[in-house]
Amino acid sequence: MLAAALTVVGLMLVTWLLSVGLKDASIVDLVWGLGFVLVAWATFLTIGDPGPRRWLLVGLTSIWGLRLSGYLTWRNVGKGEDYRYQEMRKKAPDIFWIKSLFTVFLLQGVLMWVVSLPVQAGQVPEPSLGWLDWVGAAAWAVGIFFEAVGDSQLARFKADPANKGKVMDGGLWRYTRHPNYFGDFMVWWGLYLISLSAGAWWTMIGPALMTFLLLRVSGVALLEKTISSRREGYEEYVRRTNAFFPGPPKD
């Protein structure tokens, strides 16, 4: 766990220095997924006797994290600093460069370390995998499907100029207003089940924190705060579509 903590601190310090030079704190979002990949591998490399559960945790985390960072980089690079960080910068323009180190980069580093506890503590050398490992892997697969397919469907929708200002309500978005966030939820509870199979029951704090962030902080709550005023027909979409957990539309 010490290796994971040092890895997170190093990643965030380097990213912060780049953000100061670029005057763009948004790059912290691009390394969010990558950070979990580095944590998984840092833990792997500091523990001997690799076993199937360790390879499973590292492999699933790497697929999820690299896909997420790759997608966000493709989506956000060249579009300027995100409005959230612009507002923070306006409130303290002279000291934001140093303030952001603690309120943005190191804060996200702490969250990353806590959320990744199942990936760290679950890397116990085992000669074989149990049924709970496979249930966890299945939950992860459901999550990565919702996240990747949901992102792809939304990207194609936004690429059509005719859809500007409209609501994406097709594909997975017909069954949940946030399939990508639901996907994150399933991924991390799936990884927790694998960690639970190794006896690390206490690491549930990781997916619990991720769930709280998705529902109450940077996910659903933040996005839906202003989206009704930016998307034609969103209130009707809210009426007929579940916010988070997928379900049949209320037509």
Protein backbone atom coordinates (compact mmCIF):
# COMPACT_ATOMS: atom_id res chain seq x y z
CA MET A 1 0.00 0.00 0.00
CA LEU A 2 2.95 2.31 0.60
CA ALA A 3 4.10 1.74 -2.98
CA ALA A 4 0.62 2.63 -4.22
CA ALA A 5 0.55 5.81 -2.13
CA LEU A 6 3.96 6.93 -3.38
CA THR A 7 2.90 6.20 -6.95
CA VAL A 8 -0.23 8.32 -6.57
CA VAL A 9 1.69 11.22 -5.02
CA GLY A 10 4.30 11.11 -7.78
CA LEU A 11 1.68 11.02 -10.53
CA MET A 12 -0.27 13.92 -9.07
CA LEU A 13 2.81 16.08 -8.50
CA VAL A 14 3.95 15.60 -12.09
CA THR A 15 0.44 16.27 -13.41
CA TRP A 16 0.15 19.38 -11.24
CA LEU A 17 3.45 20.76 -12.55
CA LEU A 18 2.23 20.22 -16.11
CA SER A 19 -1.05 21.95 -15.30
CA VAL A 20 0.79 25.01 -13.98
CA GLY A 21 2.76 25.30 -17.20
CA LEU A 22 -0.31 24.69 -19.39
CA LYS A 23 -2.63 26.78 -17.19
CA ASP A 24 -5.13 23.94 -17.42
CA ALA A 25 -6.12 21.95 -14.34
CA SER A 26 -8.39 19.78 -16.50
CA ILE A 27 -5.53 17.44 -17.26
CA VAL A 28 -6.12 15.87 -13.84
CA ASP A 29 -9.21 14.22 -15.33
CA LEU A 30 -7.14 12.65 -18.08
CA VAL A 31 -4.91 10.78 -15.62
CA TRP A 32 -7.72 9.60 -13.32
CA GLY A 33 -8.05 6.20 -14.97
CA LEU A 34 -4.31 5.92 -15.60
CA GLY A 35 -3.63 6.44 -11.91
CA PHE A 36 -5.52 3.28 -10.99
CA VAL A 37 -3.53 1.34 -13.56
CA LEU A 38 -0.27 2.56 -12.02
CA VAL A 39 -1.51 1.72 -8.52
CA ALA A 40 -2.40 -1.82 -9.62
CA TRP A 41 1.00 -2.40 -11.19
CA ALA A 42 2.95 -0.75 -8.37
CA THR A 43 1.25 -3.13 -5.93
CA PHE A 44 1.85 -6.09 -8.23
CA LEU A 45 5.55 -5.37 -8.59
CA THR A 46 6.13 -5.06 -4.82
CA ILE A 47 4.59 -8.44 -4.00
CA GLY A 48 6.21 -11.71 -4.97
CA ASP A 49 4.64 -14.96 -6.17
CA PRO A 50 2.17 -13.76 -8.81
CA GLY A 51 -1.04 -15.76 -8.83
CA PRO A 52 -4.23 -15.79 -10.89
CA ARG A 53 -6.12 -13.38 -8.63
CA ARG A 54 -3.32 -10.82 -8.85
CA TRP A 55 -3.25 -11.08 -12.62
CA LEU A 56 -7.04 -10.82 -12.73
CA LEU A 57 -7.13 -7.64 -10.63
CA VAL A 58 -4.26 -6.00 -12.52
CA GLY A 59 -5.68 -6.98 -15.90
CA LEU A 60 -9.24 -5.80 -15.25
CA THR A 61 -8.04 -2.55 -13.67
CA SER A 62 -5.69 -1.87 -16.58
CA ILE A 63 -8.42 -2.40 -19.18
CA TRP A 64 -10.82 -0.11 -17.32
CA GLY A 65 -8.29 2.62 -16.53
CA LEU A 66 -6.62 2.78 -19.94
CA ARG A 67 -9.97 2.87 -21.73
CA LEU A 68 -11.23 5.68 -19.49
CA SER A 69 -8.10 7.83 -19.77
CA GLY A 70 -7.91 7.22 -23.51
CA TYR A 71 -11.53 8.20 -24.02
CA LEU A 72 -11.30 11.35 -21.89
CA THR A 73 -8.11 12.40 -23.67
CA TRP A 74 -9.77 11.94 -27.07
CA ARG A 75 -12.85 13.84 -25.90
CA ASN A 76 -11.28 16.74 -23.99
CA VAL A 77 -7.85 17.58 -25.41
CA GLY A 78 -7.87 20.89 -27.26
CA LYS A 79 -11.15 22.10 -25.77
CA GLY A 80 -9.69 24.27 -23.03
CA GLU A 81 -10.01 24.09 -19.27
CA ASP A 82 -13.21 22.59 -17.88
CA TYR A 83 -15.68 25.14 -16.50
CA ARG A 84 -15.38 23.68 -12.98
CA TYR A 85 -11.69 24.55 -12.80
CA GLN A 86 -12.25 27.90 -14.54
CA GLU A 87 -14.65 28.89 -11.76
CA MET A 88 -12.15 27.83 -9.12
CA ARG A 89 -9.43 29.80 -10.89
CA LYS A 90 -11.57 32.96 -11.01
CA LYS A 91 -12.08 32.89 -7.25
CA ALA A 92 -8.33 32.91 -6.54
CA PRO A 93 -6.49 33.86 -9.76
CA ASP A 94 -3.21 34.75 -8.08
CA ILE A 95 -2.83 31.68 -5.89
CA PHE A 96 -4.79 29.06 -7.84
CA TRP A 97 -1.56 27.53 -9.12
CA ILE A 98 -0.54 26.47 -5.60
CA LYS A 99 -4.05 26.09 -4.20
CA SER A 100 -4.91 23.61 -6.94
CA LEU A 101 -2.12 21.32 -5.74
CA PHE A 102 -4.14 20.59 -2.58
CA THR A 103 -7.77 21.20 -3.62
CA VAL A 104 -7.58 19.42 -6.98
CA PHE A 105 -4.55 17.19 -7.48
CA LEU A 106 -3.67 15.82 -4.05
CA LEU A 107 -7.35 15.59 -3.14
CA GLN A 108 -8.01 13.43 -6.19
CA GLY A 109 -4.91 11.45 -5.34
CA VAL A 110 -6.32 10.62 -1.88
CA LEU A 111 -9.64 9.61 -3.43
CA MET A 112 -7.81 7.44 -5.97
CA TRP A 113 -5.84 5.67 -3.25
CA VAL A 114 -8.96 4.94 -1.17
CA VAL A 115 -11.10 3.81 -4.11
CA SER A 116 -8.33 1.48 -5.27
CA LEU A 117 -8.06 -0.36 -1.94
CA PRO A 118 -9.69 -3.53 -3.36
CA VAL A 119 -7.07 -3.63 -6.11
CA GLN A 120 -4.28 -3.21 -3.58
CA ALA A 121 -5.40 -5.52 -0.77
CA GLY A 122 -6.93 -8.13 -3.04
CA GLN A 123 -3.61 -9.04 -4.65
CA VAL A 124 -3.09 -12.16 -2.57
CA PRO A 125 -1.18 -15.03 -4.25
CA GLU A 126 -3.60 -17.94 -4.69
CA PRO A 127 -3.22 -21.22 -6.60
CA SER A 128 -6.74 -20.90 -8.02
CA LEU A 129 -9.74 -18.63 -8.25
CA GLY A 130 -13.02 -19.16 -6.39
CA TRP A 131 -16.61 -18.63 -7.41
CA LEU A 132 -16.65 -15.12 -5.89
CA ASP A 133 -13.76 -14.10 -8.16
CA TRP A 134 -15.80 -15.10 -11.21
CA VAL A 135 -18.90 -13.30 -9.94
CA GLY A 136 -16.76 -10.20 -9.49
CA ALA A 137 -15.31 -10.54 -12.98
CA ALA A 138 -18.83 -10.90 -14.40
CA ALA A 139 -19.97 -7.74 -12.58
CA TRP A 140 -16.89 -5.94 -13.93
CA ALA A 141 -17.79 -7.10 -17.47
CA VAL A 142 -21.31 -5.69 -17.12
CA GLY A 143 -19.83 -2.43 -15.93
CA ILE A 144 -17.26 -2.05 -18.70
CA PHE A 145 -20.00 -2.82 -21.24
CA PHE A 146 -22.29 -0.08 -19.93
CA GLU A 147 -19.43 2.40 -19.63
CA ALA A 148 -17.78 1.80 -22.99
CA VAL A 149 -20.95 1.33 -25.04
CA GLY A 150 -22.66 4.28 -23.33
CA ASP A 151 -19.70 6.57 -24.05
CA SER A 152 -19.57 5.39 -27.67
CA GLN A 153 -23.29 5.92 -28.22
CA LEU A 154 -23.17 9.41 -26.73
CA ALA A 155 -20.10 10.35 -28.80
CA ARG A 156 -21.84 9.32 -32.03
CA PHE A 157 -24.97 11.23 -31.01
CA LYS A 158 -23.03 14.42 -30.29
CA ALA A 159 -21.08 14.11 -33.55
CA ASP A 160 -24.29 14.72 -35.53
CA PRO A 161 -24.90 18.50 -35.76
CA ALA A 162 -28.65 17.82 -35.99
CA ASN A 163 -28.61 16.63 -32.38
CA LYS A 164 -27.14 19.82 -30.88
CA GLY A 165 -29.06 20.76 -27.74
CA LYS A 166 -31.12 17.57 -27.82
CA VAL A 167 -31.33 14.70 -25.38
CA MET A 168 -29.62 11.39 -26.03
CA ASP A 169 -32.34 8.86 -25.19
CA GLY A 170 -31.46 5.89 -27.40
CA GLY A 171 -29.41 2.76 -26.83
CA LEU A 172 -28.40 2.26 -23.22
CA TRP A 173 -29.48 5.83 -22.51
CA ARG A 174 -33.07 4.68 -22.94
CA TYR A 175 -32.80 2.60 -19.76
CA THR A 176 -30.65 4.85 -17.54
CA ARG A 177 -29.75 8.52 -17.78
CA HIS A 178 -26.18 7.71 -16.83
CA PRO A 179 -25.06 4.33 -18.22
CA ASN A 180 -21.40 5.35 -17.98
CA TYR A 181 -21.68 6.14 -14.27
CA PHE A 182 -23.63 2.94 -13.64
CA GLY A 183 -20.81 1.16 -15.47
CA ASP A 184 -18.23 2.65 -13.10
CA PHE A 185 -20.36 1.50 -10.19
CA MET A 186 -20.45 -2.08 -11.45
CA VAL A 187 -16.73 -2.14 -12.28
CA TRP A 188 -15.68 -1.18 -8.78
CA TRP A 189 -18.11 -3.39 -6.93
CA GLY A 190 -16.97 -6.22 -9.19
CA LEU A 191 -13.33 -5.57 -8.26
CA TYR A 192 -14.40 -5.49 -4.62
CA LEU A 193 -15.94 -8.97 -4.90
CA ILE A 194 -12.60 -10.26 -6.16
CA SER A 195 -10.90 -8.59 -3.20
CA LEU A 196 -13.54 -10.05 -0.89
CA SER A 197 -12.68 -13.49 -2.22
CA ALA A 198 -9.16 -12.84 -0.91
CA GLY A 199 -10.57 -12.01 2.52
CA ALA A 200 -10.21 -8.21 2.25
CA TRP A 201 -13.81 -7.48 3.24
CA TRP A 202 -12.88 -4.10 4.71
CA THR A 203 -11.92 -2.71 1.28
CA MET A 204 -15.61 -2.07 0.61
CA ILE A 205 -14.79 1.52 1.61
CA GLY A 206 -13.33 1.89 -1.90
CA PRO A 207 -16.44 1.12 -4.00
CA ALA A 208 -18.62 2.80 -1.37
CA LEU A 209 -16.66 6.02 -1.84
CA MET A 210 -16.85 5.66 -5.63
CA THR A 211 -20.62 5.20 -5.38
CA PHE A 212 -20.92 8.32 -3.24
CA LEU A 213 -18.86 10.35 -5.72
CA LEU A 214 -20.90 9.09 -8.67
CA LEU A 215 -24.28 9.78 -7.07
CA ARG A 216 -23.70 12.82 -4.88
CA VAL A 217 -20.56 14.71 -5.90
CA SER A 218 -18.95 14.68 -9.34
CA GLY A 219 -21.33 12.39 -11.20
CA VAL A 220 -25.11 12.40 -11.41
CA ALA A 221 -25.72 15.31 -8.99
CA LEU A 222 -23.22 17.66 -10.67
CA LEU A 223 -24.27 16.87 -14.24
CA GLU A 224 -28.01 17.18 -13.64
CA LYS A 225 -27.74 20.45 -11.74
CA THR A 226 -27.87 22.53 -14.93
CA ILE A 227 -28.57 20.09 -17.75
CA SER A 228 -32.32 20.77 -17.89
CA SER A 229 -31.61 24.31 -19.08
CA ARG A 230 -29.15 23.08 -21.71
CA ARG A 231 -31.03 20.15 -23.21
CA GLU A 232 -34.39 20.39 -24.94
CA GLY A 233 -36.83 17.85 -23.49
CA TYR A 234 -34.63 16.79 -20.58
CA GLU A 235 -37.38 17.14 -17.99
CA GLU A 236 -39.53 14.71 -19.96
CA TYR A 237 -36.53 12.39 -20.26
CA VAL A 238 -36.15 12.50 -16.46
CA ARG A 239 -39.82 11.59 -16.03
CA ARG A 240 -39.59 8.39 -18.07
CA THR A 241 -35.98 7.24 -17.48
CA ASN A 242 -34.25 5.92 -14.36
CA ALA A 243 -31.47 8.17 -13.09
CA PHE A 244 -28.88 5.50 -12.35
CA PHE A 245 -29.88 1.84 -12.21
CA PRO A 246 -31.13 0.59 -15.60
CA GLY A 247 -34.81 -0.21 -15.95
CA PRO A 248 -37.59 -0.15 -18.54
CA PRO A 249 -38.64 3.37 -19.58
CA LYS A 250 -41.84 4.72 -18.08
CA ASP A 251 -43.60 5.40 -21.38
